[in-house]
Amino acid sequence: MAKIVMKNKLQSRHQLANPFSSKTRHERLIKSGAVDMKDNIIIQDMGNGYATFVPIDKNKKLK
């Protein structure tokens, strides 16, 4: 019978602080299906110091 060795692989402090470090932010945005806001945005002033960013075409996704 073969001996099976299992190691308890502890995560480093850096990995615990940033679990997404293996992928870039752009890769994560593409995977999530984020809307491309470059040249595709209308800024609506709420009148109280805040603004809302609304995409013109919601079907324009990041590539």
PDB file of N, CA and C in Angstrom:
ATOM      1  N   MET A   1       0.842  -1.172   0.000  1.00  0.00           N
ATOM      2  CA  MET A   1       0.000   0.000   0.000  1.00  0.00           C
ATOM      3  C   MET A   1       0.889   1.238   0.000  1.00  0.00           C
ATOM      4  N   ALA A   2       0.528   2.240  -0.785  1.00  0.00           N
ATOM      5  CA  ALA A   2       1.309   3.465  -0.905  1.00  0.00           C
ATOM      6  C   ALA A   2       1.052   4.375   0.282  1.00  0.00           C
ATOM      7  N   LYS A   3       2.110   5.019   0.688  1.00  0.00           N
ATOM      8  CA  LYS A   3       2.005   5.967   1.788  1.00  0.00           C
ATOM      9  C   LYS A   3       1.619   7.333   1.235  1.00  0.00           C
ATOM     10  N   ILE A   4       0.558   7.910   1.740  1.00  0.00           N
ATOM     11  CA  ILE A   4       0.087   9.220   1.292  1.00  0.00           C
ATOM     12  C   ILE A   4       0.504  10.260   2.319  1.00  0.00           C
ATOM     13  N   VAL A   5       1.235  11.255   1.852  1.00  0.00           N
ATOM     14  CA  VAL A   5       1.706  12.318   2.731  1.00  0.00           C
ATOM     15  C   VAL A   5       0.923  13.583   2.393  1.00  0.00           C
ATOM     16  N   MET A   6       0.263  14.134   3.375  1.00  0.00           N
ATOM     17  CA  MET A   6      -0.485  15.380   3.180  1.00  0.00           C
ATOM     18  C   MET A   6       0.192  16.464   4.006  1.00  0.00           C
ATOM     19  N   LYS A   7       0.465  17.577   3.367  1.00  0.00           N
ATOM     20  CA  LYS A   7       1.092  18.693   4.060  1.00  0.00           C
ATOM     21  C   LYS A   7       0.058  19.765   4.322  1.00  0.00           C
ATOM     22  N   ASN A   8       0.100  20.320   5.488  1.00  0.00           N
ATOM     23  CA  ASN A   8      -0.759  21.445   5.824  1.00  0.00           C
ATOM     24  C   ASN A   8      -0.065  22.697   5.317  1.00  0.00           C
ATOM     25  N   LYS A   9      -0.472  23.165   4.153  1.00  0.00           N
ATOM     26  CA  LYS A   9       0.188  24.296   3.523  1.00  0.00           C
ATOM     27  C   LYS A   9      -0.368  25.592   4.111  1.00  0.00           C
ATOM     28  N   LEU A  10       0.414  26.203   4.960  1.00  0.00           N
ATOM     29  CA  LEU A  10       0.007  27.461   5.574  1.00  0.00           C
ATOM     30  C   LEU A  10       0.201  28.606   4.591  1.00  0.00           C
ATOM     31  N   GLN A  11      -0.738  29.521   4.580  1.00  0.00           N
ATOM     32  CA  GLN A  11      -0.623  30.674   3.704  1.00  0.00           C
ATOM     33  C   GLN A  11       0.239  31.735   4.378  1.00  0.00           C
ATOM     34  N   SER A  12       1.007  32.426   3.544  1.00  0.00           N
ATOM     35  CA  SER A  12       1.871  33.470   4.076  1.00  0.00           C
ATOM     36  C   SER A  12       1.039  34.694   4.465  1.00  0.00           C
ATOM     37  N   ARG A  13       1.665  35.565   5.208  1.00  0.00           N
ATOM     38  CA  ARG A  13       0.980  36.790   5.634  1.00  0.00           C
ATOM     39  C   ARG A  13       0.618  37.654   4.424  1.00  0.00           C
ATOM     40  N   HIS A  14       1.494  37.676   3.412  1.00  0.00           N
ATOM     41  CA  HIS A  14       1.234  38.443   2.195  1.00  0.00           C
ATOM     42  C   HIS A  14       0.030  37.869   1.445  1.00  0.00           C
ATOM     43  N   GLN A  15      -0.061  36.548   1.356  1.00  0.00           N
ATOM     44  CA  GLN A  15      -1.182  35.903   0.666  1.00  0.00           C
ATOM     45  C   GLN A  15      -2.490  36.155   1.408  1.00  0.00           C
ATOM     46  N   LEU A  16      -2.466  36.145   2.725  1.00  0.00           N
ATOM     47  CA  LEU A  16      -3.670  36.424   3.505  1.00  0.00           C
ATOM     48  C   LEU A  16      -4.116  37.876   3.356  1.00  0.00           C
ATOM     49  N   ALA A  17      -3.164  38.802   3.224  1.00  0.00           N
ATOM     50  CA  ALA A  17      -3.488  40.216   3.091  1.00  0.00           C
ATOM     51  C   ALA A  17      -4.068  40.526   1.726  1.00  0.00           C
ATOM     52  N   ASN A  18      -3.607  39.831   0.666  1.00  0.00           N
ATOM     53  CA  ASN A  18      -4.075  40.085  -0.684  1.00  0.00           C
ATOM     54  C   ASN A  18      -4.288  38.754  -1.403  1.00  0.00           C
ATOM     55  N   PRO A  19      -5.464  38.145  -1.275  1.00  0.00           N
ATOM     56  CA  PRO A  19      -5.687  36.838  -1.900  1.00  0.00           C
ATOM     57  C   PRO A  19      -5.778  36.895  -3.419  1.00  0.00           C
ATOM     58  N   PHE A  20      -5.851  38.080  -4.019  1.00  0.00           N
ATOM     59  CA  PHE A  20      -5.978  38.221  -5.468  1.00  0.00           C
ATOM     60  C   PHE A  20      -4.642  38.548  -6.132  1.00  0.00           C
ATOM     61  N   SER A  21      -3.542  38.379  -5.436  1.00  0.00           N
ATOM     62  CA  SER A  21      -2.256  38.808  -5.968  1.00  0.00           C
ATOM     63  C   SER A  21      -1.811  37.997  -7.180  1.00  0.00           C
ATOM     64  N   SER A  22      -2.371  36.819  -7.394  1.00  0.00           N
ATOM     65  CA  SER A  22      -1.937  36.005  -8.525  1.00  0.00           C
ATOM     66  C   SER A  22      -2.521  36.501  -9.848  1.00  0.00           C
ATOM     67  N   LYS A  23      -3.589  37.297  -9.816  1.00  0.00           N
ATOM     68  CA  LYS A  23      -4.204  37.829 -11.033  1.00  0.00           C
ATOM     69  C   LYS A  23      -4.177  39.350 -10.991  1.00  0.00           C
ATOM     70  N   THR A  24      -4.076  39.955 -12.172  1.00  0.00           N
ATOM     71  CA  THR A  24      -4.083  41.407 -12.221  1.00  0.00           C
ATOM     72  C   THR A  24      -5.507  41.933 -12.056  1.00  0.00           C
ATOM     73  N   ARG A  25      -5.603  43.205 -11.747  1.00  0.00           N
ATOM     74  CA  ARG A  25      -6.922  43.822 -11.578  1.00  0.00           C
ATOM     75  C   ARG A  25      -7.713  43.760 -12.880  1.00  0.00           C
ATOM     76  N   HIS A  26      -7.032  43.963 -14.007  1.00  0.00           N
ATOM     77  CA  HIS A  26      -7.703  43.925 -15.306  1.00  0.00           C
ATOM     78  C   HIS A  26      -8.284  42.529 -15.586  1.00  0.00           C
ATOM     79  N   GLU A  27      -7.541  41.479 -15.259  1.00  0.00           N
ATOM     80  CA  GLU A  27      -8.044  40.112 -15.444  1.00  0.00           C
ATOM     81  C   GLU A  27      -9.280  39.846 -14.585  1.00  0.00           C
ATOM     82  N   ARG A  28      -9.270  40.361 -13.352  1.00  0.00           N
ATOM     83  CA  ARG A  28     -10.423  40.176 -12.469  1.00  0.00           C
ATOM     84  C   ARG A  28     -11.648  40.935 -12.982  1.00  0.00           C
ATOM     85  N   LEU A  29     -11.444  42.144 -13.548  1.00  0.00           N
ATOM     86  CA  LEU A  29     -12.553  42.925 -14.096  1.00  0.00           C
ATOM     87  C   LEU A  29     -13.159  42.240 -15.318  1.00  0.00           C
ATOM     88  N   ILE A  30     -12.322  41.666 -16.177  1.00  0.00           N
ATOM     89  CA  ILE A  30     -12.827  40.949 -17.353  1.00  0.00           C
ATOM     90  C   ILE A  30     -13.644  39.744 -16.918  1.00  0.00           C
ATOM     91  N   LYS A  31     -13.140  38.991 -15.944  1.00  0.00           N
ATOM     92  CA  LYS A  31     -13.842  37.796 -15.466  1.00  0.00           C
ATOM     93  C   LYS A  31     -15.197  38.140 -14.848  1.00  0.00           C
ATOM     94  N   SER A  32     -15.282  39.297 -14.189  1.00  0.00           N
ATOM     95  CA  SER A  32     -16.537  39.678 -13.539  1.00  0.00           C
ATOM     96  C   SER A  32     -17.555  40.273 -14.505  1.00  0.00           C
ATOM     97  N   GLY A  33     -17.122  40.587 -15.737  1.00  0.00           N
ATOM     98  CA  GLY A  33     -18.044  41.159 -16.718  1.00  0.00           C
ATOM     99  C   GLY A  33     -18.302  42.633 -16.487  1.00  0.00           C
ATOM    100  N   ALA A  34     -17.272  43.361 -16.079  1.00  0.00           N
ATOM    101  CA  ALA A  34     -17.407  44.782 -15.778  1.00  0.00           C
ATOM    102  C   ALA A  34     -17.626  45.602 -17.054  1.00  0.00           C
ATOM    103  N   VAL A  35     -18.378  46.678 -16.921  1.00  0.00           N
ATOM    104  CA  VAL A  35     -18.660  47.581 -18.038  1.00  0.00           C
ATOM    105  C   VAL A  35     -17.463  48.496 -18.247  1.00  0.00           C
ATOM    106  N   ASP A  36     -17.060  48.684 -19.499  1.00  0.00           N
ATOM    107  CA  ASP A  36     -15.958  49.581 -19.841  1.00  0.00           C
ATOM    108  C   ASP A  36     -16.464  51.016 -19.765  1.00  0.00           C
ATOM    109  N   MET A  37     -15.915  51.805 -18.847  1.00  0.00           N
ATOM    110  CA  MET A  37     -16.381  53.174 -18.641  1.00  0.00           C
ATOM    111  C   MET A  37     -15.569  54.203 -19.428  1.00  0.00           C
ATOM    112  N   LYS A  38     -14.548  53.765 -20.165  1.00  0.00           N
ATOM    113  CA  LYS A  38     -13.727  54.692 -20.924  1.00  0.00           C
ATOM    114  C   LYS A  38     -14.512  55.190 -22.136  1.00  0.00           C
ATOM    115  N   ASP A  39     -14.713  56.498 -22.219  1.00  0.00           N
ATOM    116  CA  ASP A  39     -15.495  57.149 -23.284  1.00  0.00           C
ATOM    117  C   ASP A  39     -16.911  56.588 -23.360  1.00  0.00           C
ATOM    118  N   ASN A  40     -17.463  56.166 -22.245  1.00  0.00           N
ATOM    119  CA  ASN A  40     -18.790  55.547 -22.207  1.00  0.00           C
ATOM    120  C   ASN A  40     -19.481  55.934 -20.899  1.00  0.00           C
ATOM    121  N   ILE A  41     -19.448  57.230 -20.561  1.00  0.00           N
ATOM    122  CA  ILE A  41     -19.932  57.608 -19.237  1.00  0.00           C
ATOM    123  C   ILE A  41     -20.663  58.953 -19.269  1.00  0.00           C
ATOM    124  N   ILE A  42     -21.672  59.052 -18.448  1.00  0.00           N
ATOM    125  CA  ILE A  42     -22.375  60.313 -18.190  1.00  0.00           C
ATOM    126  C   ILE A  42     -22.264  60.551 -16.684  1.00  0.00           C
ATOM    127  N   ILE A  43     -21.810  61.743 -16.322  1.00  0.00           N
ATOM    128  CA  ILE A  43     -21.670  62.084 -14.910  1.00  0.00           C
ATOM    129  C   ILE A  43     -22.878  62.924 -14.511  1.00  0.00           C
ATOM    130  N   GLN A  44     -23.649  62.420 -13.573  1.00  0.00           N
ATOM    131  CA  GLN A  44     -24.834  63.138 -13.095  1.00  0.00           C
ATOM    132  C   GLN A  44     -24.519  63.740 -11.727  1.00  0.00           C
ATOM    133  N   ASP A  45     -24.650  65.058 -11.619  1.00  0.00           N
ATOM    134  CA  ASP A  45     -24.428  65.743 -10.351  1.00  0.00           C
ATOM    135  C   ASP A  45     -25.679  65.586  -9.499  1.00  0.00           C
ATOM    136  N   MET A  46     -25.518  65.090  -8.284  1.00  0.00           N
ATOM    137  CA  MET A  46     -26.658  64.877  -7.396  1.00  0.00           C
ATOM    138  C   MET A  46     -27.074  66.162  -6.681  1.00  0.00           C
ATOM    139  N   GLY A  47     -26.223  67.192  -6.735  1.00  0.00           N
ATOM    140  CA  GLY A  47     -26.572  68.472  -6.137  1.00  0.00           C
ATOM    141  C   GLY A  47     -26.207  68.592  -4.669  1.00  0.00           C
ATOM    142  N   ASN A  48     -25.686  67.549  -4.073  1.00  0.00           N
ATOM    143  CA  ASN A  48     -25.334  67.591  -2.659  1.00  0.00           C
ATOM    144  C   ASN A  48     -23.851  67.274  -2.445  1.00  0.00           C
ATOM    145  N   GLY A  49     -23.048  67.483  -3.480  1.00  0.00           N
ATOM    146  CA  GLY A  49     -21.626  67.201  -3.373  1.00  0.00           C
ATOM    147  C   GLY A  49     -21.246  65.822  -3.879  1.00  0.00           C
ATOM    148  N   TYR A  50     -22.216  65.014  -4.240  1.00  0.00           N
ATOM    149  CA  TYR A  50     -21.968  63.675  -4.763  1.00  0.00           C
ATOM    150  C   TYR A  50     -22.287  63.635  -6.256  1.00  0.00           C
ATOM    151  N   ALA A  51     -21.738  62.651  -6.927  1.00  0.00           N
ATOM    152  CA  ALA A  51     -21.992  62.471  -8.353  1.00  0.00           C
ATOM    153  C   ALA A  51     -22.232  60.994  -8.623  1.00  0.00           C
ATOM    154  N   THR A  52     -23.008  60.701  -9.658  1.00  0.00           N
ATOM    155  CA  THR A  52     -23.277  59.339 -10.088  1.00  0.00           C
ATOM    156  C   THR A  52     -22.705  59.160 -11.487  1.00  0.00           C
ATOM    157  N   PHE A  53     -22.014  58.048 -11.691  1.00  0.00           N
ATOM    158  CA  PHE A  53     -21.441  57.726 -12.989  1.00  0.00           C
ATOM    159  C   PHE A  53     -22.316  56.677 -13.642  1.00  0.00           C
ATOM    160  N   VAL A  54     -22.933  57.026 -14.771  1.00  0.00           N
ATOM    161  CA  VAL A  54     -23.858  56.129 -15.463  1.00  0.00           C
ATOM    162  C   VAL A  54     -23.276  55.797 -16.833  1.00  0.00           C
ATOM    163  N   PRO A  55     -23.152  54.490 -17.164  1.00  0.00           N
ATOM    164  CA  PRO A  55     -22.633  54.140 -18.491  1.00  0.00           C
ATOM    165  C   PRO A  55     -23.660  54.427 -19.576  1.00  0.00           C
ATOM    166  N   ILE A  56     -23.193  54.861 -20.736  1.00  0.00           N
ATOM    167  CA  ILE A  56     -24.078  55.118 -21.868  1.00  0.00           C
ATOM    168  C   ILE A  56     -24.553  53.795 -22.460  1.00  0.00           C
ATOM    169  N   ASP A  57     -23.602  52.889 -22.697  1.00  0.00           N
ATOM    170  CA  ASP A  57     -23.908  51.566 -23.253  1.00  0.00           C
ATOM    171  C   ASP A  57     -23.491  50.506 -22.239  1.00  0.00           C
ATOM    172  N   LYS A  58     -24.473  49.866 -21.582  1.00  0.00           N
ATOM    173  CA  LYS A  58     -24.165  48.874 -20.561  1.00  0.00           C
ATOM    174  C   LYS A  58     -23.663  47.563 -21.150  1.00  0.00           C
ATOM    175  N   ASN A  59     -23.786  47.376 -22.449  1.00  0.00           N
ATOM    176  CA  ASN A  59     -23.329  46.148 -23.082  1.00  0.00           C
ATOM    177  C   ASN A  59     -21.866  46.209 -23.502  1.00  0.00           C
ATOM    178  N   LYS A  60     -21.235  47.372 -23.368  1.00  0.00           N
ATOM    179  CA  LYS A  60     -19.810  47.514 -23.716  1.00  0.00           C
ATOM    180  C   LYS A  60     -18.985  46.985 -22.543  1.00  0.00           C
ATOM    181  N   LYS A  61     -18.429  45.791 -22.721  1.00  0.00           N
ATOM    182  CA  LYS A  61     -17.664  45.133 -21.650  1.00  0.00           C
ATOM    183  C   LYS A  61     -16.165  45.288 -21.880  1.00  0.00           C
ATOM    184  N   LEU A  62     -15.386  45.118 -20.834  1.00  0.00           N
ATOM    185  CA  LEU A  62     -13.935  45.161 -20.952  1.00  0.00           C
ATOM    186  C   LEU A  62     -13.438  43.976 -21.753  1.00  0.00           C
ATOM    187  N   LYS A  63     -12.367  44.193 -22.498  1.00  0.00           N
ATOM    188  CA  LYS A  63     -11.783  43.127 -23.315  1.00  0.00           C
ATOM    189  C   LYS A  63     -10.403  42.801 -22.824  1.00  0.00           C
TER     190      LYS A  63
END
